[in-house]
């Protein structure tokens, strides 16, 4: 009797371990996996005073860029 319960418990643990560590099939779920964002390319823009600001000058700080146009 003990051997049978040990076998059942072993099979249950194996099933749980197999499904827990299996990679999800994103294609069948029609979901694209997360890809981390790429770093912004290096660029330079003038600020409101006309001074050139390089993106590298802002490393480690939050930068908010507003682009607009007057047509």
PDB file of N, CA and C in Angstrom:
ATOM      1  N   UNK A   1       0.826  -1.199   0.000  1.00  0.00           N
ATOM      2  CA  UNK A   1       0.000   0.000   0.000  1.00  0.00           C
ATOM      3  C   UNK A   1       0.868   1.260   0.000  1.00  0.00           C
ATOM      4  N   UNK A   2       1.945   1.256   0.850  1.00  0.00           N
ATOM      5  CA  UNK A   2       2.840   2.405   0.895  1.00  0.00           C
ATOM      6  C   UNK A   2       3.550   2.610  -0.438  1.00  0.00           C
ATOM      7  N   UNK A   3       3.914   1.506  -1.067  1.00  0.00           N
ATOM      8  CA  UNK A   3       4.623   1.590  -2.337  1.00  0.00           C
ATOM      9  C   UNK A   3       3.732   2.200  -3.405  1.00  0.00           C
ATOM     10  N   UNK A   4       2.457   1.851  -3.393  1.00  0.00           N
ATOM     11  CA  UNK A   4       1.534   2.392  -4.386  1.00  0.00           C
ATOM     12  C   UNK A   4       1.365   3.896  -4.204  1.00  0.00           C
ATOM     13  N   UNK A   5       1.198   4.363  -2.961  1.00  0.00           N
ATOM     14  CA  UNK A   5       1.065   5.801  -2.718  1.00  0.00           C
ATOM     15  C   UNK A   5       2.347   6.539  -3.057  1.00  0.00           C
ATOM     16  N   UNK A   6       3.479   5.926  -2.817  1.00  0.00           N
ATOM     17  CA  UNK A   6       4.758   6.534  -3.188  1.00  0.00           C
ATOM     18  C   UNK A   6       4.858   6.691  -4.695  1.00  0.00           C
ATOM     19  N   UNK A   7       4.396   5.666  -5.419  1.00  0.00           N
ATOM     20  CA  UNK A   7       4.415   5.719  -6.875  1.00  0.00           C
ATOM     21  C   UNK A   7       3.477   6.808  -7.388  1.00  0.00           C
ATOM     22  N   UNK A   8       2.274   6.897  -6.833  1.00  0.00           N
ATOM     23  CA  UNK A   8       1.308   7.921  -7.244  1.00  0.00           C
ATOM     24  C   UNK A   8       1.860   9.308  -6.947  1.00  0.00           C
ATOM     25  N   UNK A   9       2.446   9.466  -5.776  1.00  0.00           N
ATOM     26  CA  UNK A   9       3.020  10.758  -5.410  1.00  0.00           C
ATOM     27  C   UNK A   9       4.183  11.114  -6.334  1.00  0.00           C
ATOM     28  N   UNK A  10       5.005  10.139  -6.663  1.00  0.00           N
ATOM     29  CA  UNK A  10       6.135  10.373  -7.574  1.00  0.00           C
ATOM     30  C   UNK A  10       5.671  10.799  -8.953  1.00  0.00           C
ATOM     31  N   UNK A  11       4.642  10.134  -9.463  1.00  0.00           N
ATOM     32  CA  UNK A  11       4.103  10.491 -10.785  1.00  0.00           C
ATOM     33  C   UNK A  11       3.498  11.896 -10.739  1.00  0.00           C
ATOM     34  N   UNK A  12       2.785  12.229  -9.670  1.00  0.00           N
ATOM     35  CA  UNK A  12       2.183  13.560  -9.551  1.00  0.00           C
ATOM     36  C   UNK A  12       3.258  14.635  -9.500  1.00  0.00           C
ATOM     37  N   UNK A  13       4.311  14.404  -8.735  1.00  0.00           N
ATOM     38  CA  UNK A  13       5.410  15.382  -8.661  1.00  0.00           C
ATOM     39  C   UNK A  13       6.079  15.528 -10.021  1.00  0.00           C
ATOM     40  N   UNK A  14       6.281  14.430 -10.728  1.00  0.00           N
ATOM     41  CA  UNK A  14       6.893  14.488 -12.062  1.00  0.00           C
ATOM     42  C   UNK A  14       6.030  15.282 -13.026  1.00  0.00           C
ATOM     43  N   UNK A  15       4.716  15.091 -12.986  1.00  0.00           N
ATOM     44  CA  UNK A  15       3.826  15.847 -13.875  1.00  0.00           C
ATOM     45  C   UNK A  15       3.866  17.336 -13.562  1.00  0.00           C
ATOM     46  N   UNK A  16       3.822  17.673 -12.292  1.00  0.00           N
ATOM     47  CA  UNK A  16       3.862  19.088 -11.910  1.00  0.00           C
ATOM     48  C   UNK A  16       5.190  19.703 -12.307  1.00  0.00           C
ATOM     49  N   UNK A  17       6.289  19.001 -12.068  1.00  0.00           N
ATOM     50  CA  UNK A  17       7.607  19.534 -12.423  1.00  0.00           C
ATOM     51  C   UNK A  17       7.746  19.707 -13.928  1.00  0.00           C
ATOM     52  N   UNK A  18       7.220  18.777 -14.691  1.00  0.00           N
ATOM     53  CA  UNK A  18       7.310  18.869 -16.153  1.00  0.00           C
ATOM     54  C   UNK A  18       6.542  20.083 -16.676  1.00  0.00           C
ATOM     55  N   UNK A  19       5.343  20.301 -16.184  1.00  0.00           N
ATOM     56  CA  UNK A  19       4.555  21.431 -16.676  1.00  0.00           C
ATOM     57  C   UNK A  19       5.058  22.748 -16.116  1.00  0.00           C
ATOM     58  N   UNK A  20       5.658  22.734 -14.935  1.00  0.00           N
ATOM     59  CA  UNK A  20       6.141  23.979 -14.339  1.00  0.00           C
ATOM     60  C   UNK A  20       7.371  24.502 -15.066  1.00  0.00           C
ATOM     61  N   UNK A  21       8.218  23.604 -15.553  1.00  0.00           N
ATOM     62  CA  UNK A  21       9.463  24.040 -16.186  1.00  0.00           C
ATOM     63  C   UNK A  21       9.410  24.028 -17.698  1.00  0.00           C
ATOM     64  N   UNK A  22       8.296  23.650 -18.291  1.00  0.00           N
ATOM     65  CA  UNK A  22       8.157  23.640 -19.743  1.00  0.00           C
ATOM     66  C   UNK A  22       7.958  25.066 -20.242  1.00  0.00           C
ATOM     67  N   UNK A  23       8.615  25.400 -21.333  1.00  0.00           N
ATOM     68  CA  UNK A  23       8.469  26.729 -21.926  1.00  0.00           C
ATOM     69  C   UNK A  23       7.099  26.839 -22.579  1.00  0.00           C
ATOM     70  N   UNK A  24       6.429  27.974 -22.409  1.00  0.00           N
ATOM     71  CA  UNK A  24       5.105  28.119 -23.030  1.00  0.00           C
ATOM     72  C   UNK A  24       5.219  28.193 -24.556  1.00  0.00           C
ATOM     73  N   UNK A  25       4.212  27.710 -25.215  1.00  0.00           N
ATOM     74  CA  UNK A  25       4.157  27.739 -26.665  1.00  0.00           C
ATOM     75  C   UNK A  25       3.410  29.007 -27.088  1.00  0.00           C
ATOM     76  N   UNK A  26       4.160  30.095 -27.264  1.00  0.00           N
ATOM     77  CA  UNK A  26       3.553  31.387 -27.570  1.00  0.00           C
ATOM     78  C   UNK A  26       2.843  31.397 -28.921  1.00  0.00           C
ATOM     79  N   UNK A  27       3.364  30.655 -29.878  1.00  0.00           N
ATOM     80  CA  UNK A  27       2.765  30.653 -31.218  1.00  0.00           C
ATOM     81  C   UNK A  27       1.347  30.093 -31.178  1.00  0.00           C
ATOM     82  N   UNK A  28       1.135  29.030 -30.415  1.00  0.00           N
ATOM     83  CA  UNK A  28      -0.207  28.445 -30.371  1.00  0.00           C
ATOM     84  C   UNK A  28      -1.177  29.344 -29.602  1.00  0.00           C
ATOM     85  N   UNK A  29      -0.655  30.166 -28.686  1.00  0.00           N
ATOM     86  CA  UNK A  29      -1.506  31.079 -27.930  1.00  0.00           C
ATOM     87  C   UNK A  29      -1.703  32.407 -28.657  1.00  0.00           C
ATOM     88  N   UNK A  30      -1.055  32.574 -29.793  1.00  0.00           N
ATOM     89  CA  UNK A  30      -1.088  33.804 -30.584  1.00  0.00           C
ATOM     90  C   UNK A  30      -0.659  35.008 -29.751  1.00  0.00           C
ATOM     91  N   UNK A  31       0.414  34.816 -28.989  1.00  0.00           N
ATOM     92  CA  UNK A  31       0.969  35.865 -28.130  1.00  0.00           C
ATOM     93  C   UNK A  31       2.437  36.013 -28.474  1.00  0.00           C
ATOM     94  N   UNK A  32       2.913  37.235 -28.587  1.00  0.00           N
ATOM     95  CA  UNK A  32       4.331  37.449 -28.828  1.00  0.00           C
ATOM     96  C   UNK A  32       5.043  37.607 -27.492  1.00  0.00           C
ATOM     97  N   UNK A  33       6.165  36.953 -27.315  1.00  0.00           N
ATOM     98  CA  UNK A  33       6.881  37.054 -26.051  1.00  0.00           C
ATOM     99  C   UNK A  33       7.455  38.457 -25.851  1.00  0.00           C
ATOM    100  N   UNK A  34       7.636  38.832 -24.603  1.00  0.00           N
ATOM    101  CA  UNK A  34       8.175  40.148 -24.267  1.00  0.00           C
ATOM    102  C   UNK A  34       9.634  40.240 -24.669  1.00  0.00           C
ATOM    103  N   UNK A  35       9.976  41.303 -25.332  1.00  0.00           N
ATOM    104  CA  UNK A  35      11.365  41.587 -25.655  1.00  0.00           C
ATOM    105  C   UNK A  35      11.727  42.902 -24.990  1.00  0.00           C
ATOM    106  N   UNK A  36      12.812  42.939 -24.229  1.00  0.00           N
ATOM    107  CA  UNK A  36      13.175  44.178 -23.549  1.00  0.00           C
ATOM    108  C   UNK A  36      13.420  45.297 -24.560  1.00  0.00           C
ATOM    109  N   UNK A  37      13.128  46.536 -24.186  1.00  0.00           N
ATOM    110  CA  UNK A  37      13.345  47.639 -25.124  1.00  0.00           C
ATOM    111  C   UNK A  37      14.827  47.837 -25.428  1.00  0.00           C
ATOM    112  N   UNK A  38      15.077  48.362 -26.601  1.00  0.00           N
ATOM    113  CA  UNK A  38      16.452  48.641 -27.009  1.00  0.00           C
ATOM    114  C   UNK A  38      16.816  50.053 -26.553  1.00  0.00           C
ATOM    115  N   UNK A  39      18.077  50.296 -26.273  1.00  0.00           N
ATOM    116  CA  UNK A  39      18.474  51.652 -25.879  1.00  0.00           C
ATOM    117  C   UNK A  39      18.257  52.640 -27.025  1.00  0.00           C
ATOM    118  N   UNK A  40      17.978  53.868 -26.661  1.00  0.00           N
ATOM    119  CA  UNK A  40      17.793  54.918 -27.675  1.00  0.00           C
ATOM    120  C   UNK A  40      19.130  55.205 -28.351  1.00  0.00           C
ATOM    121  N   UNK A  41      19.101  55.510 -29.637  1.00  0.00           N
ATOM    122  CA  UNK A  41      20.356  55.864 -30.312  1.00  0.00           C
ATOM    123  C   UNK A  41      20.865  57.209 -29.804  1.00  0.00           C
ATOM    124  N   UNK A  42      22.149  57.415 -29.928  1.00  0.00           N
ATOM    125  CA  UNK A  42      22.752  58.681 -29.507  1.00  0.00           C
ATOM    126  C   UNK A  42      22.242  59.808 -30.412  1.00  0.00           C
ATOM    127  N   UNK A  43      21.814  60.912 -29.804  1.00  0.00           N
ATOM    128  CA  UNK A  43      21.373  62.057 -30.591  1.00  0.00           C
ATOM    129  C   UNK A  43      21.607  63.340 -29.803  1.00  0.00           C
ATOM    130  N   UNK A  44      21.560  64.451 -30.508  1.00  0.00           N
ATOM    131  CA  UNK A  44      21.742  65.776 -29.928  1.00  0.00           C
ATOM    132  C   UNK A  44      20.612  66.666 -30.413  1.00  0.00           C
ATOM    133  N   UNK A  45      20.001  67.400 -29.481  1.00  0.00           N
ATOM    134  CA  UNK A  45      18.913  68.320 -29.818  1.00  0.00           C
ATOM    135  C   UNK A  45      19.139  69.642 -29.101  1.00  0.00           C
ATOM    136  N   UNK A  46      18.659  70.742 -29.685  1.00  0.00           N
ATOM    137  CA  UNK A  46      18.782  72.021 -28.981  1.00  0.00           C
ATOM    138  C   UNK A  46      17.690  72.153 -27.919  1.00  0.00           C
ATOM    139  N   UNK A  47      18.041  72.770 -26.771  1.00  0.00           N
ATOM    140  CA  UNK A  47      17.010  73.057 -25.769  1.00  0.00           C
ATOM    141  C   UNK A  47      16.366  74.396 -26.096  1.00  0.00           C
ATOM    142  N   UNK A  48      15.528  74.912 -25.220  1.00  0.00           N
ATOM    143  CA  UNK A  48      14.810  76.156 -25.501  1.00  0.00           C
ATOM    144  C   UNK A  48      15.716  77.371 -25.605  1.00  0.00           C
ATOM    145  N   UNK A  49      16.909  77.271 -25.031  1.00  0.00           N
ATOM    146  CA  UNK A  49      17.870  78.382 -25.122  1.00  0.00           C
ATOM    147  C   UNK A  49      18.817  78.230 -26.295  1.00  0.00           C
ATOM    148  N   UNK A  50      18.688  77.168 -27.071  1.00  0.00           N
ATOM    149  CA  UNK A  50      19.555  76.946 -28.227  1.00  0.00           C
ATOM    150  C   UNK A  50      20.812  76.153 -27.901  1.00  0.00           C
ATOM    151  N   UNK A  51      20.994  75.759 -26.647  1.00  0.00           N
ATOM    152  CA  UNK A  51      22.161  74.981 -26.249  1.00  0.00           C
ATOM    153  C   UNK A  51      21.970  73.533 -26.691  1.00  0.00           C
ATOM    154  N   UNK A  52      23.022  72.956 -27.264  1.00  0.00           N
ATOM    155  CA  UNK A  52      22.947  71.567 -27.716  1.00  0.00           C
ATOM    156  C   UNK A  52      23.011  70.623 -26.509  1.00  0.00           C
ATOM    157  N   UNK A  53      22.043  69.716 -26.405  1.00  0.00           N
ATOM    158  CA  UNK A  53      21.991  68.739 -25.321  1.00  0.00           C
ATOM    159  C   UNK A  53      22.144  67.356 -25.934  1.00  0.00           C
ATOM    160  N   UNK A  54      23.127  66.606 -25.451  1.00  0.00           N
ATOM    161  CA  UNK A  54      23.367  65.242 -25.915  1.00  0.00           C
ATOM    162  C   UNK A  54      22.596  64.285 -25.015  1.00  0.00           C
ATOM    163  N   UNK A  55      22.093  63.238 -25.585  1.00  0.00           N
ATOM    164  CA  UNK A  55      21.393  62.242 -24.792  1.00  0.00           C
ATOM    165  C   UNK A  55      22.308  61.664 -23.715  1.00  0.00           C
ATOM    166  N   UNK A  56      23.567  61.503 -24.021  1.00  0.00           N
ATOM    167  CA  UNK A  56      24.510  60.947 -23.043  1.00  0.00           C
ATOM    168  C   UNK A  56      24.664  61.855 -21.819  1.00  0.00           C
ATOM    169  N   UNK A  57      24.375  63.160 -21.959  1.00  0.00           N
ATOM    170  CA  UNK A  57      24.427  64.082 -20.814  1.00  0.00           C
ATOM    171  C   UNK A  57      23.323  63.770 -19.798  1.00  0.00           C
ATOM    172  N   UNK A  58      22.291  63.081 -20.227  1.00  0.00           N
ATOM    173  CA  UNK A  58      21.139  62.812 -19.373  1.00  0.00           C
ATOM    174  C   UNK A  58      21.145  61.389 -18.808  1.00  0.00           C
ATOM    175  N   UNK A  59      22.248  60.678 -18.955  1.00  0.00           N
ATOM    176  CA  UNK A  59      22.318  59.283 -18.486  1.00  0.00           C
ATOM    177  C   UNK A  59      21.992  59.203 -16.999  1.00  0.00           C
ATOM    178  N   UNK A  60      21.092  58.262 -16.666  1.00  0.00           N
ATOM    179  CA  UNK A  60      20.703  58.053 -15.274  1.00  0.00           C
ATOM    180  C   UNK A  60      19.564  58.945 -14.816  1.00  0.00           C
ATOM    181  N   UNK A  61      19.096  59.834 -15.669  1.00  0.00           N
ATOM    182  CA  UNK A  61      17.978  60.714 -15.311  1.00  0.00           C
ATOM    183  C   UNK A  61      16.820  60.456 -16.262  1.00  0.00           C
ATOM    184  N   UNK A  62      15.636  60.827 -15.827  1.00  0.00           N
ATOM    185  CA  UNK A  62      14.458  60.677 -16.675  1.00  0.00           C
ATOM    186  C   UNK A  62      14.431  61.832 -17.673  1.00  0.00           C
ATOM    187  N   UNK A  63      14.251  61.507 -18.937  1.00  0.00           N
ATOM    188  CA  UNK A  63      14.184  62.530 -19.980  1.00  0.00           C
ATOM    189  C   UNK A  63      12.845  62.403 -20.698  1.00  0.00           C
ATOM    190  N   UNK A  64      12.105  63.492 -20.779  1.00  0.00           N
ATOM    191  CA  UNK A  64      10.825  63.519 -21.489  1.00  0.00           C
ATOM    192  C   UNK A  64      11.014  64.393 -22.721  1.00  0.00           C
ATOM    193  N   UNK A  65      10.735  63.827 -23.883  1.00  0.00           N
ATOM    194  CA  UNK A  65      10.886  64.561 -25.135  1.00  0.00           C
ATOM    195  C   UNK A  65       9.514  64.867 -25.702  1.00  0.00           C
ATOM    196  N   UNK A  66       9.304  66.115 -26.063  1.00  0.00           N
ATOM    197  CA  UNK A  66       8.064  66.508 -26.726  1.00  0.00           C
ATOM    198  C   UNK A  66       8.406  66.946 -28.140  1.00  0.00           C
ATOM    199  N   UNK A  67       7.803  66.295 -29.112  1.00  0.00           N
ATOM    200  CA  UNK A  67       7.979  66.669 -30.510  1.00  0.00           C
ATOM    201  C   UNK A  67       6.660  67.215 -31.017  1.00  0.00           C
ATOM    202  N   UNK A  68       6.692  68.369 -31.621  1.00  0.00           N
ATOM    203  CA  UNK A  68       5.484  68.936 -32.183  1.00  0.00           C
ATOM    204  C   UNK A  68       5.847  69.677 -33.465  1.00  0.00           C
ATOM    205  N   UNK A  69       4.823  70.027 -34.182  1.00  0.00           N
ATOM    206  CA  UNK A  69       5.022  70.745 -35.436  1.00  0.00           C
ATOM    207  C   UNK A  69       3.937  71.784 -35.591  1.00  0.00           C
ATOM    208  N   UNK A  70       4.286  72.871 -36.209  1.00  0.00           N
ATOM    209  CA  UNK A  70       3.291  73.878 -36.557  1.00  0.00           C
ATOM    210  C   UNK A  70       3.239  73.917 -38.082  1.00  0.00           C
ATOM    211  N   UNK A  71       2.175  73.466 -38.613  1.00  0.00           N
ATOM    212  CA  UNK A  71       2.051  73.368 -40.072  1.00  0.00           C
ATOM    213  C   UNK A  71       1.399  74.606 -40.603  1.00  0.00           C
TER     214      UNK A  71
END
